[in-house]
Amino acid sequence: MTDKRRRIDIVLEPEYLEGLDSLEIAELRRRRDTAEDVESQISYYRRLLHGRMDLLNFELRRRGGEEERTLLEALPEIIASGMVLGNEPSLRHIETMPPIPSTTGRRLIDKIMDDGVLTQLPDLSDDEVREALERLREVETEMSNQRKQLHSAIDALQDEIVGRYRSEQGEAKVSG
């Protein structure tokens, strides 16, 4: 029987981190790699959400008279502003972008990304744009919490691996 749960659900279960000291080093590395992969995907989704939020915030500012440019005129600046954190591009450390999985329509992120808000933007009232923005914020908050939990799992797995490198028993070899 195959496990049909999502990888994030598996990684965030308490059992994922139970008994780490009894696992083979290869299994520890596999779990760490899986957790890092899921974290990369969540980070990518969060960036997509931030981009949508940036677009909706700009549109509300434009409608409120704070912006004279159209959304299309400001688009390059809006997109570029999301890529920079301080003086460094925030995505420069990602070697390859995580693949965008096919949408199942079951996940909240699928519903948010397929909601059609951006294509309907000219026809939406200010209140509808604010409601869409609030839905995005709620999903982003949930994803941020998941990301923090993933970081904790990654840290626990990495700590166990590093502990093995340092152990007198020399259980781990520095090859991965």
N, C-alpha and C. Protein backbone atom coordinates (compact mmCIF):
# COMPACT_ATOMS: atom_id res chain seq x y z
N MET A 1 0.84 -1.18 0.00
CA MET A 1 0.00 0.00 0.00
C MET A 1 0.89 1.25 0.00
N THR A 2 0.63 2.17 -0.89
CA THR A 2 1.46 3.36 -0.98
C THR A 2 0.88 4.46 -0.09
N ASP A 3 1.76 5.32 0.38
CA ASP A 3 1.38 6.42 1.25
C ASP A 3 0.91 7.58 0.37
N LYS A 4 -0.34 7.98 0.49
CA LYS A 4 -0.91 9.04 -0.35
C LYS A 4 -0.92 10.40 0.34
N ARG A 5 -0.33 10.48 1.52
CA ARG A 5 -0.26 11.77 2.21
C ARG A 5 0.75 12.67 1.51
N ARG A 6 0.53 13.95 1.66
CA ARG A 6 1.46 14.91 1.09
C ARG A 6 2.77 14.86 1.85
N ARG A 7 3.86 15.14 1.14
CA ARG A 7 5.19 15.11 1.77
C ARG A 7 5.27 16.06 2.95
N ILE A 8 4.65 17.24 2.84
CA ILE A 8 4.73 18.19 3.96
C ILE A 8 4.05 17.62 5.19
N ASP A 9 2.94 16.91 5.00
CA ASP A 9 2.25 16.31 6.15
C ASP A 9 3.13 15.25 6.81
N ILE A 10 3.81 14.48 6.00
CA ILE A 10 4.70 13.43 6.52
C ILE A 10 5.85 14.05 7.31
N VAL A 11 6.49 15.06 6.73
CA VAL A 11 7.65 15.69 7.37
C VAL A 11 7.26 16.40 8.66
N LEU A 12 6.07 16.97 8.71
CA LEU A 12 5.67 17.73 9.90
C LEU A 12 5.04 16.86 10.99
N GLU A 13 4.86 15.58 10.73
CA GLU A 13 4.36 14.69 11.79
C GLU A 13 5.46 14.49 12.84
N PRO A 14 5.08 14.43 14.11
CA PRO A 14 6.09 14.23 15.16
C PRO A 14 6.92 12.96 14.95
N GLU A 15 6.30 11.93 14.37
CA GLU A 15 7.00 10.66 14.15
C GLU A 15 8.20 10.80 13.23
N TYR A 16 8.20 11.81 12.39
CA TYR A 16 9.29 12.01 11.43
C TYR A 16 10.62 12.23 12.15
N LEU A 17 10.55 12.80 13.35
CA LEU A 17 11.77 13.12 14.10
C LEU A 17 11.98 12.21 15.30
N GLU A 18 11.12 11.23 15.47
CA GLU A 18 11.29 10.31 16.60
C GLU A 18 12.38 9.29 16.32
N GLY A 19 13.16 8.99 17.33
CA GLY A 19 14.16 7.94 17.22
C GLY A 19 15.27 8.22 16.23
N LEU A 20 15.63 9.48 16.06
CA LEU A 20 16.68 9.81 15.09
C LEU A 20 17.99 9.12 15.43
N ASP A 21 18.25 8.97 16.71
CA ASP A 21 19.52 8.37 17.13
C ASP A 21 19.63 6.90 16.73
N SER A 22 18.53 6.27 16.37
CA SER A 22 18.57 4.85 15.98
C SER A 22 18.53 4.65 14.46
N LEU A 23 18.42 5.73 13.71
CA LEU A 23 18.34 5.62 12.25
C LEU A 23 19.73 5.55 11.62
N GLU A 24 19.81 4.87 10.51
CA GLU A 24 21.05 4.84 9.72
C GLU A 24 21.31 6.24 9.17
N ILE A 25 22.56 6.55 8.96
CA ILE A 25 22.94 7.88 8.45
C ILE A 25 22.29 8.15 7.09
N ALA A 26 22.18 7.14 6.24
CA ALA A 26 21.55 7.32 4.93
C ALA A 26 20.09 7.74 5.07
N GLU A 27 19.39 7.18 6.05
CA GLU A 27 18.00 7.54 6.28
C GLU A 27 17.90 8.96 6.83
N LEU A 28 18.82 9.34 7.71
CA LEU A 28 18.84 10.72 8.21
C LEU A 28 19.03 11.70 7.06
N ARG A 29 19.97 11.40 6.19
CA ARG A 29 20.22 12.29 5.04
C ARG A 29 19.01 12.34 4.12
N ARG A 30 18.36 11.20 3.90
CA ARG A 30 17.18 11.17 3.03
C ARG A 30 16.08 12.04 3.63
N ARG A 31 15.86 11.92 4.93
CA ARG A 31 14.83 12.72 5.58
C ARG A 31 15.17 14.21 5.53
N ARG A 32 16.44 14.54 5.78
CA ARG A 32 16.85 15.95 5.72
C ARG A 32 16.65 16.49 4.32
N ASP A 33 17.07 15.72 3.30
CA ASP A 33 16.92 16.17 1.92
C ASP A 33 15.45 16.36 1.55
N THR A 34 14.60 15.46 2.01
CA THR A 34 13.16 15.59 1.75
C THR A 34 12.63 16.85 2.40
N ALA A 35 12.99 17.08 3.66
CA ALA A 35 12.53 18.28 4.37
C ALA A 35 13.02 19.55 3.69
N GLU A 36 14.27 19.54 3.23
CA GLU A 36 14.80 20.71 2.52
C GLU A 36 14.09 20.94 1.20
N ASP A 37 13.77 19.86 0.51
CA ASP A 37 13.05 19.96 -0.75
C ASP A 37 11.65 20.55 -0.54
N VAL A 38 10.96 20.07 0.48
CA VAL A 38 9.63 20.59 0.80
C VAL A 38 9.73 22.07 1.21
N GLU A 39 10.75 22.41 1.98
CA GLU A 39 10.93 23.81 2.40
C GLU A 39 11.17 24.71 1.19
N SER A 40 11.95 24.24 0.22
CA SER A 40 12.18 25.03 -1.00
C SER A 40 10.88 25.26 -1.75
N GLN A 41 10.07 24.24 -1.81
CA GLN A 41 8.80 24.37 -2.51
C GLN A 41 7.87 25.35 -1.79
N ILE A 42 7.80 25.25 -0.47
CA ILE A 42 6.97 26.18 0.30
C ILE A 42 7.48 27.61 0.14
N SER A 43 8.80 27.79 0.16
CA SER A 43 9.37 29.13 -0.03
C SER A 43 9.01 29.69 -1.40
N TYR A 44 9.04 28.84 -2.40
CA TYR A 44 8.68 29.27 -3.75
C TYR A 44 7.21 29.67 -3.81
N TYR A 45 6.35 28.87 -3.23
CA TYR A 45 4.92 29.20 -3.19
C TYR A 45 4.69 30.52 -2.46
N ARG A 46 5.41 30.71 -1.36
CA ARG A 46 5.28 31.97 -0.62
C ARG A 46 5.67 33.14 -1.50
N ARG A 47 6.72 32.98 -2.29
CA ARG A 47 7.13 34.07 -3.17
C ARG A 47 6.05 34.36 -4.21
N LEU A 48 5.42 33.31 -4.73
CA LEU A 48 4.31 33.51 -5.66
C LEU A 48 3.17 34.28 -4.99
N LEU A 49 2.87 33.91 -3.76
CA LEU A 49 1.83 34.63 -3.01
C LEU A 49 2.22 36.08 -2.79
N HIS A 50 3.47 36.32 -2.41
CA HIS A 50 3.94 37.69 -2.19
C HIS A 50 3.80 38.51 -3.47
N GLY A 51 4.11 37.91 -4.60
CA GLY A 51 3.97 38.61 -5.88
C GLY A 51 2.53 39.02 -6.13
N ARG A 52 1.61 38.11 -5.89
CA ARG A 52 0.19 38.44 -6.05
C ARG A 52 -0.23 39.53 -5.06
N MET A 53 0.25 39.43 -3.84
CA MET A 53 -0.09 40.44 -2.83
C MET A 53 0.47 41.80 -3.24
N ASP A 54 1.68 41.82 -3.76
CA ASP A 54 2.29 43.08 -4.22
C ASP A 54 1.45 43.70 -5.33
N LEU A 55 0.97 42.87 -6.26
CA LEU A 55 0.14 43.37 -7.36
C LEU A 55 -1.18 43.95 -6.84
N LEU A 56 -1.82 43.24 -5.94
CA LEU A 56 -3.10 43.72 -5.40
C LEU A 56 -2.91 44.98 -4.56
N ASN A 57 -1.83 45.03 -3.77
CA ASN A 57 -1.55 46.25 -2.99
C ASN A 57 -1.31 47.44 -3.91
N PHE A 58 -0.56 47.22 -5.00
CA PHE A 58 -0.33 48.31 -5.95
C PHE A 58 -1.66 48.78 -6.53
N GLU A 59 -2.51 47.84 -6.91
CA GLU A 59 -3.80 48.21 -7.51
C GLU A 59 -4.64 49.02 -6.53
N LEU A 60 -4.63 48.66 -5.27
CA LEU A 60 -5.38 49.44 -4.29
C LEU A 60 -4.79 50.84 -4.13
N ARG A 61 -3.45 50.94 -4.14
CA ARG A 61 -2.82 52.28 -4.07
C ARG A 61 -3.17 53.10 -5.32
N ARG A 62 -3.17 52.46 -6.48
CA ARG A 62 -3.52 53.15 -7.72
C ARG A 62 -4.95 53.66 -7.65
N ARG A 63 -5.85 52.81 -7.21
CA ARG A 63 -7.25 53.21 -7.10
C ARG A 63 -7.44 54.32 -6.07
N GLY A 64 -6.61 54.34 -5.05
CA GLY A 64 -6.70 55.36 -4.01
C GLY A 64 -6.00 56.65 -4.37
N GLY A 65 -5.43 56.73 -5.57
CA GLY A 65 -4.78 57.95 -6.03
C GLY A 65 -3.33 58.09 -5.62
N GLU A 66 -2.77 57.07 -4.99
CA GLU A 66 -1.37 57.14 -4.57
C GLU A 66 -0.41 56.79 -5.71
N GLU A 67 -0.92 56.22 -6.78
CA GLU A 67 -0.13 55.82 -7.94
C GLU A 67 -0.79 56.35 -9.21
N GLU A 68 0.02 56.88 -10.09
CA GLU A 68 -0.51 57.36 -11.37
C GLU A 68 -0.29 56.36 -12.49
N ARG A 69 0.71 55.49 -12.29
CA ARG A 69 1.02 54.50 -13.33
C ARG A 69 -0.05 53.41 -13.35
N THR A 70 -0.16 52.76 -14.49
CA THR A 70 -1.02 51.59 -14.56
C THR A 70 -0.28 50.40 -13.96
N LEU A 71 -1.02 49.36 -13.67
CA LEU A 71 -0.40 48.15 -13.16
C LEU A 71 0.60 47.60 -14.17
N LEU A 72 0.25 47.65 -15.42
CA LEU A 72 1.15 47.15 -16.46
C LEU A 72 2.45 47.96 -16.51
N GLU A 73 2.35 49.27 -16.36
CA GLU A 73 3.55 50.11 -16.36
C GLU A 73 4.45 49.82 -15.15
N ALA A 74 3.85 49.51 -14.03
CA ALA A 74 4.61 49.27 -12.81
C ALA A 74 5.05 47.82 -12.65
N LEU A 75 4.55 46.94 -13.49
CA LEU A 75 4.81 45.51 -13.33
C LEU A 75 6.29 45.15 -13.20
N PRO A 76 7.18 45.63 -14.07
CA PRO A 76 8.59 45.26 -13.91
C PRO A 76 9.16 45.65 -12.54
N GLU A 77 8.80 46.83 -12.07
CA GLU A 77 9.28 47.29 -10.76
C GLU A 77 8.70 46.45 -9.63
N ILE A 78 7.42 46.11 -9.72
CA ILE A 78 6.77 45.30 -8.68
C ILE A 78 7.42 43.93 -8.61
N ILE A 79 7.64 43.32 -9.75
CA ILE A 79 8.25 41.99 -9.78
C ILE A 79 9.69 42.06 -9.28
N ALA A 80 10.43 43.05 -9.71
CA ALA A 80 11.83 43.18 -9.29
C ALA A 80 11.94 43.46 -7.79
N SER A 81 11.02 44.22 -7.24
CA SER A 81 11.12 44.55 -5.82
C SER A 81 10.95 43.32 -4.94
N GLY A 82 10.24 42.33 -5.41
CA GLY A 82 10.07 41.11 -4.65
C GLY A 82 11.27 40.20 -4.69
N MET A 83 12.17 40.45 -5.60
CA MET A 83 13.35 39.60 -5.76
C MET A 83 14.53 40.09 -4.94
N VAL A 84 14.43 41.26 -4.31
CA VAL A 84 15.57 41.84 -3.62
C VAL A 84 15.25 41.97 -2.13
N LEU A 85 16.18 41.54 -1.31
CA LEU A 85 16.07 41.68 0.13
C LEU A 85 17.34 42.39 0.57
N GLY A 86 17.22 43.62 0.97
CA GLY A 86 18.42 44.39 1.29
C GLY A 86 19.16 44.69 -0.01
N ASN A 87 20.45 44.41 -0.03
CA ASN A 87 21.24 44.65 -1.23
C ASN A 87 21.44 43.39 -2.07
N GLU A 88 20.89 42.27 -1.61
CA GLU A 88 21.12 40.99 -2.27
C GLU A 88 19.82 40.44 -2.85
N PRO A 89 19.86 39.92 -4.07
CA PRO A 89 18.68 39.24 -4.58
C PRO A 89 18.36 38.04 -3.70
N SER A 90 17.10 37.92 -3.30
CA SER A 90 16.74 36.87 -2.35
C SER A 90 16.69 35.49 -2.98
N LEU A 91 16.62 35.39 -4.28
CA LEU A 91 16.54 34.08 -4.92
C LEU A 91 17.88 33.65 -5.52
N ARG A 92 18.94 34.35 -5.26
CA ARG A 92 20.20 34.02 -5.92
C ARG A 92 20.80 32.70 -5.46
N HIS A 93 20.42 32.22 -4.28
CA HIS A 93 20.98 30.99 -3.76
C HIS A 93 20.25 29.75 -4.25
N ILE A 94 19.14 29.94 -4.93
CA ILE A 94 18.39 28.80 -5.44
C ILE A 94 19.00 28.37 -6.76
N GLU A 95 19.54 27.16 -6.79
CA GLU A 95 20.19 26.67 -8.01
C GLU A 95 19.18 26.37 -9.10
N THR A 96 18.11 25.73 -8.73
CA THR A 96 17.03 25.47 -9.68
C THR A 96 15.72 25.75 -8.98
N MET A 97 14.81 26.32 -9.71
CA MET A 97 13.51 26.60 -9.13
C MET A 97 12.77 25.29 -8.96
N PRO A 98 12.06 25.14 -7.86
CA PRO A 98 11.28 23.92 -7.68
C PRO A 98 10.23 23.84 -8.79
N PRO A 99 9.95 22.64 -9.26
CA PRO A 99 8.94 22.53 -10.30
C PRO A 99 7.57 22.93 -9.75
N ILE A 100 6.79 23.55 -10.58
CA ILE A 100 5.44 23.88 -10.16
C ILE A 100 4.62 22.62 -10.38
N PRO A 101 4.16 22.03 -9.30
CA PRO A 101 3.42 20.78 -9.46
C PRO A 101 2.08 21.03 -10.13
N SER A 102 1.57 20.00 -10.75
CA SER A 102 0.26 20.14 -11.35
C SER A 102 -0.74 20.43 -10.24
N THR A 103 -1.70 21.24 -10.55
CA THR A 103 -2.67 21.60 -9.53
C THR A 103 -3.70 20.49 -9.40
N THR A 104 -4.00 20.19 -8.17
CA THR A 104 -5.00 19.16 -7.89
C THR A 104 -6.33 19.79 -7.55
N GLY A 105 -6.29 21.07 -7.18
CA GLY A 105 -7.50 21.73 -6.76
C GLY A 105 -7.88 21.43 -5.32
N ARG A 106 -7.14 20.53 -4.68
CA ARG A 106 -7.45 20.14 -3.30
C ARG A 106 -6.73 21.03 -2.31
N ARG A 107 -5.54 21.49 -2.66
CA ARG A 107 -4.76 22.29 -1.72
C ARG A 107 -5.24 23.74 -1.76
N LEU A 108 -5.10 24.41 -0.63
CA LEU A 108 -5.49 25.80 -0.54
C LEU A 108 -4.68 26.66 -1.51
N ILE A 109 -3.40 26.34 -1.67
CA ILE A 109 -2.57 27.11 -2.60
C ILE A 109 -3.10 26.99 -4.02
N ASP A 110 -3.61 25.82 -4.40
CA ASP A 110 -4.19 25.64 -5.73
C ASP A 110 -5.39 26.56 -5.91
N LYS A 111 -6.24 26.61 -4.90
CA LYS A 111 -7.45 27.43 -4.99
C LYS A 111 -7.09 28.91 -5.08
N ILE A 112 -6.09 29.31 -4.30
CA ILE A 112 -5.68 30.71 -4.30
C ILE A 112 -5.04 31.09 -5.64
N MET A 113 -4.17 30.24 -6.15
CA MET A 113 -3.47 30.57 -7.39
C MET A 113 -4.38 30.47 -8.61
N ASP A 114 -5.45 29.70 -8.51
CA ASP A 114 -6.37 29.54 -9.64
C ASP A 114 -7.66 30.33 -9.46
N ASP A 115 -7.66 31.31 -8.56
CA ASP A 115 -8.91 32.01 -8.25
C ASP A 115 -9.32 33.04 -9.30
N GLY A 116 -8.46 33.35 -10.26
CA GLY A 116 -8.81 34.28 -11.33
C GLY A 116 -8.85 35.74 -10.93
N VAL A 117 -8.43 36.06 -9.72
CA VAL A 117 -8.50 37.46 -9.25
C VAL A 117 -7.74 38.40 -10.17
N LEU A 118 -6.53 38.01 -10.57
CA LEU A 118 -5.73 38.93 -11.38
C LEU A 118 -6.35 39.16 -12.75
N THR A 119 -6.97 38.14 -13.32
CA THR A 119 -7.60 38.32 -14.63
C THR A 119 -8.88 39.12 -14.53
N GLN A 120 -9.51 39.14 -13.37
CA GLN A 120 -10.76 39.87 -13.16
C GLN A 120 -10.54 41.23 -12.50
N LEU A 121 -9.31 41.57 -12.23
CA LEU A 121 -8.98 42.75 -11.43
C LEU A 121 -9.71 44.02 -11.88
N PRO A 122 -9.75 44.33 -13.18
CA PRO A 122 -10.44 45.57 -13.58
C PRO A 122 -11.93 45.58 -13.21
N ASP A 123 -12.53 44.42 -13.11
CA ASP A 123 -13.97 44.34 -12.83
C ASP A 123 -14.29 44.22 -11.35
N LEU A 124 -13.28 44.05 -10.50
CA LEU A 124 -13.51 43.85 -9.07
C LEU A 124 -13.65 45.19 -8.34
N SER A 125 -14.50 45.19 -7.35
CA SER A 125 -14.63 46.37 -6.50
C SER A 125 -13.42 46.44 -5.56
N ASP A 126 -13.23 47.58 -4.95
CA ASP A 126 -12.14 47.73 -3.97
C ASP A 126 -12.29 46.70 -2.85
N ASP A 127 -13.53 46.51 -2.38
CA ASP A 127 -13.76 45.54 -1.31
C ASP A 127 -13.40 44.13 -1.75
N GLU A 128 -13.70 43.77 -2.99
CA GLU A 128 -13.36 42.43 -3.49
C GLU A 128 -11.84 42.25 -3.58
N VAL A 129 -11.14 43.32 -3.96
CA VAL A 129 -9.68 43.25 -4.02
C VAL A 129 -9.13 43.10 -2.60
N ARG A 130 -9.67 43.84 -1.65
CA ARG A 130 -9.24 43.71 -0.25
C ARG A 130 -9.51 42.31 0.29
N GLU A 131 -10.65 41.73 -0.06
CA GLU A 131 -10.98 40.37 0.39
C GLU A 131 -9.99 39.36 -0.21
N ALA A 132 -9.66 39.53 -1.48
CA ALA A 132 -8.68 38.63 -2.11
C ALA A 132 -7.33 38.77 -1.44
N LEU A 133 -6.95 39.99 -1.12
CA LEU A 133 -5.68 40.25 -0.45
C LEU A 133 -5.67 39.60 0.94
N GLU A 134 -6.77 39.66 1.64
CA GLU A 134 -6.86 39.05 2.97
C GLU A 134 -6.74 37.53 2.86
N ARG A 135 -7.36 36.92 1.87
CA ARG A 135 -7.23 35.47 1.67
C ARG A 135 -5.77 35.09 1.42
N LEU A 136 -5.08 35.90 0.61
CA LEU A 136 -3.66 35.64 0.34
C LEU A 136 -2.84 35.75 1.62
N ARG A 137 -3.13 36.75 2.43
CA ARG A 137 -2.41 36.93 3.69
C ARG A 137 -2.60 35.73 4.62
N GLU A 138 -3.83 35.22 4.67
CA GLU A 138 -4.10 34.05 5.52
C GLU A 138 -3.31 32.83 5.06
N VAL A 139 -3.26 32.61 3.76
CA VAL A 139 -2.51 31.47 3.22
C VAL A 139 -1.02 31.68 3.46
N GLU A 140 -0.55 32.89 3.28
CA GLU A 140 0.87 33.19 3.49
C GLU A 140 1.25 32.95 4.95
N THR A 141 0.38 33.33 5.87
CA THR A 141 0.64 33.09 7.30
C THR A 141 0.74 31.60 7.58
N GLU A 142 -0.18 30.84 7.02
CA GLU A 142 -0.14 29.38 7.21
C GLU A 142 1.14 28.80 6.64
N MET A 143 1.54 29.26 5.46
CA MET A 143 2.77 28.75 4.84
C MET A 143 3.99 29.18 5.64
N SER A 144 3.99 30.36 6.19
CA SER A 144 5.12 30.81 7.01
C SER A 144 5.26 29.93 8.24
N ASN A 145 4.13 29.57 8.85
CA ASN A 145 4.18 28.68 10.01
C ASN A 145 4.71 27.30 9.62
N GLN A 146 4.27 26.78 8.49
CA GLN A 146 4.78 25.50 8.01
C GLN A 146 6.28 25.58 7.75
N ARG A 147 6.70 26.68 7.18
CA ARG A 147 8.11 26.87 6.87
C ARG A 147 8.96 26.88 8.14
N LYS A 148 8.47 27.52 9.20
CA LYS A 148 9.18 27.53 10.48
C LYS A 148 9.28 26.11 11.04
N GLN A 149 8.19 25.35 10.94
CA GLN A 149 8.22 23.96 11.41
C GLN A 149 9.20 23.14 10.59
N LEU A 150 9.25 23.38 9.28
CA LEU A 150 10.20 22.66 8.43
C LEU A 150 11.63 23.00 8.82
N HIS A 151 11.90 24.25 9.12
CA HIS A 151 13.24 24.65 9.55
C HIS A 151 13.63 23.93 10.83
N SER A 152 12.69 23.78 11.74
CA SER A 152 12.97 23.05 12.99
C SER A 152 13.30 21.59 12.70
N ALA A 153 12.55 20.98 11.79
CA ALA A 153 12.80 19.58 11.43
C ALA A 153 14.17 19.44 10.76
N ILE A 154 14.48 20.34 9.85
CA ILE A 154 15.77 20.32 9.16
C ILE A 154 16.90 20.47 10.17
N ASP A 155 16.73 21.41 11.11
CA ASP A 155 17.75 21.63 12.13
C ASP A 155 17.96 20.38 12.99
N ALA A 156 16.87 19.73 13.37
CA ALA A 156 16.98 18.52 14.20
C ALA A 156 17.70 17.41 13.45
N LEU A 157 17.37 17.24 12.19
CA LEU A 157 18.03 16.21 11.38
C LEU A 157 19.50 16.55 11.17
N GLN A 158 19.78 17.80 10.87
CA GLN A 158 21.16 18.23 10.66
C GLN A 158 21.97 18.09 11.94
N ASP A 159 21.37 18.43 13.07
CA ASP A 159 22.07 18.29 14.35
C ASP A 159 22.46 16.83 14.60
N GLU A 160 21.56 15.92 14.29
CA GLU A 160 21.85 14.49 14.48
C GLU A 160 22.99 14.05 13.55
N ILE A 161 22.95 14.51 12.32
CA ILE A 161 24.01 14.16 11.36
C ILE A 161 25.35 14.71 11.83
N VAL A 162 25.36 15.98 12.22
CA VAL A 162 26.60 16.60 12.69
C VAL A 162 27.10 15.90 13.95
N GLY A 163 26.19 15.55 14.84
CA GLY A 163 26.57 14.82 16.05
C GLY A 163 27.26 13.51 15.73
N ARG A 164 26.81 12.87 14.68
CA ARG A 164 27.45 11.61 14.29
C ARG A 164 28.84 11.86 13.72
N TYR A 165 29.01 12.95 13.01
CA TYR A 165 30.34 13.28 12.49
C TYR A 165 31.32 13.46 13.64
N ARG A 166 30.82 14.07 14.70
CA ARG A 166 31.67 14.39 15.84
C ARG A 166 31.84 13.24 16.82
N SER A 167 31.00 12.24 16.69
CA SER A 167 31.03 11.16 17.68
C SER A 167 32.32 10.37 17.59
N GLU A 168 32.70 9.81 18.69
CA GLU A 168 33.91 8.99 18.74
C GLU A 168 33.76 7.70 17.93
N GLN A 169 32.52 7.33 17.71
CA GLN A 169 32.28 6.09 16.99
C GLN A 169 32.50 6.27 15.49
N GLY A 170 32.49 7.50 15.03
CA GLY A 170 32.74 7.75 13.60
C GLY A 170 31.71 7.10 12.70
N GLU A 171 30.44 7.16 13.08
CA GLU A 171 29.39 6.49 12.32
C GLU A 171 29.16 7.10 10.95
N ALA A 172 29.37 8.38 10.79
CA ALA A 172 29.05 9.06 9.53
C ALA A 172 30.32 9.43 8.79
N LYS A 173 30.23 9.29 7.50
CA LYS A 173 31.31 9.74 6.63
C LYS A 173 30.85 11.02 5.95
N VAL A 174 31.76 11.96 5.77
CA VAL A 174 31.41 13.26 5.24
C VAL A 174 31.25 13.20 3.73
N SER A 175 30.33 12.41 3.25
CA SER A 175 30.15 12.28 1.80
C SER A 175 28.73 12.60 1.39
N GLY A 176 28.06 13.50 2.07
CA GLY A 176 26.72 13.84 1.60
C GLY A 176 25.84 14.37 2.60
